[in-house]
Amino acid sequence: MGFPSDIGVVDLLMGLPNKDRRWWATAMAGTLRDEDSRSGMTHPAGYMYKDLPEVERSDSSADDLLREMDRFGIEKALVPVAFEDEGTLDAVRRHPDRLLGSFQVDPTRVMDGVRALRRAREEAGVVAASFFPCGCTPPVPVDDRLAYPLYATCVDLGLPVFVNAGIPGPRVPATAQDVIRFDQVCYDFPELTVVMRHGGEPWCDLAVKLMLKWPGLHWSSSAFAPRHYPREIVDYANSRGADKVMYAGYFPYGLTLDRIFGELPQVPFKDEVWPKFLRGNALRVLGLDG
């Protein structure tokens, strides 16, 4: 069978173009030190990518995104929403069958962050939370006590949490996203569904060991062009991890869909892995498989 062309893909990281392409530099101003990051790069990991998508926010951005999804057979997409971004909130509310909201929580705000997540669930119907440990100011490690109210709230609301793992793209220290930190979180929150986002490199062997150990721990492919999917992850999906590995793109933030879907057929997944990787696992994790 190989790569299926009519499966109704669920993409676990898409979105509308950022209104301000350097929003990340403002948000992380307290931790960035190199001159390129502080005043030059338009992408936090621009040094890693070639041919970054050049897509500007406009009144038609939501419709443009849906057309791109249709072009590549993407049925649903998980998109980041924020209360200060009415455009994305409106898109999610108008297309709840296609665009699914994810809300990023800043654990440094502690209870304000928890209340914001609850509000996002109630008012915008978000189906997931997200957390960028190295993007906080100061950084908040995956297993830090400041993140525990977020995890507890996700358990209470029945939401999965997507957490950046591995070396971050922005030029800040990586220790907050060391994959070993998920071990303590999964131990303390056995009911929590956690998805490692952005690859987990260079600790992919450890990520596999932890996914074998913890039922609630998963991996998503966001920010990785398919030709660069870690060998350890592909091998794991083809053996014991078919239910733990999920597709996520990175459009329009860092990768074009033309590149992603041009390279996907060359990924050496077994035939039985593809439906789970592209659709089934995501629907289950998001609670939409019923």
Foldseek 3Di string as FASTA:
>chain_A
DFFDQAQQFEAAEAEFDDQQLLVLLVLQVLFDDDPCNNPNDSALQVVVADPAFDHHDDLCRLVVVVVQCVVRNHFAYEYEDDPVCVSRLVSCVVCVRHYAYEYEFALVVQVVSLVRVVCCCVPRVHLAYEYEQVSHVNGAAPQHPSCVSVQVSCLVVVHAYEYEAADDSHPGDRPSRQPVSVQVVCVVCLSHAYEHEDQRPPCLVVLLVVVVVHVRYAYEHEPDQLVPRDPSVQVCCQPVCLLGYAYHYHPNRGDDPCRNVVCSSVRPHDPVSNSNHGPVNVCVNSVNPD
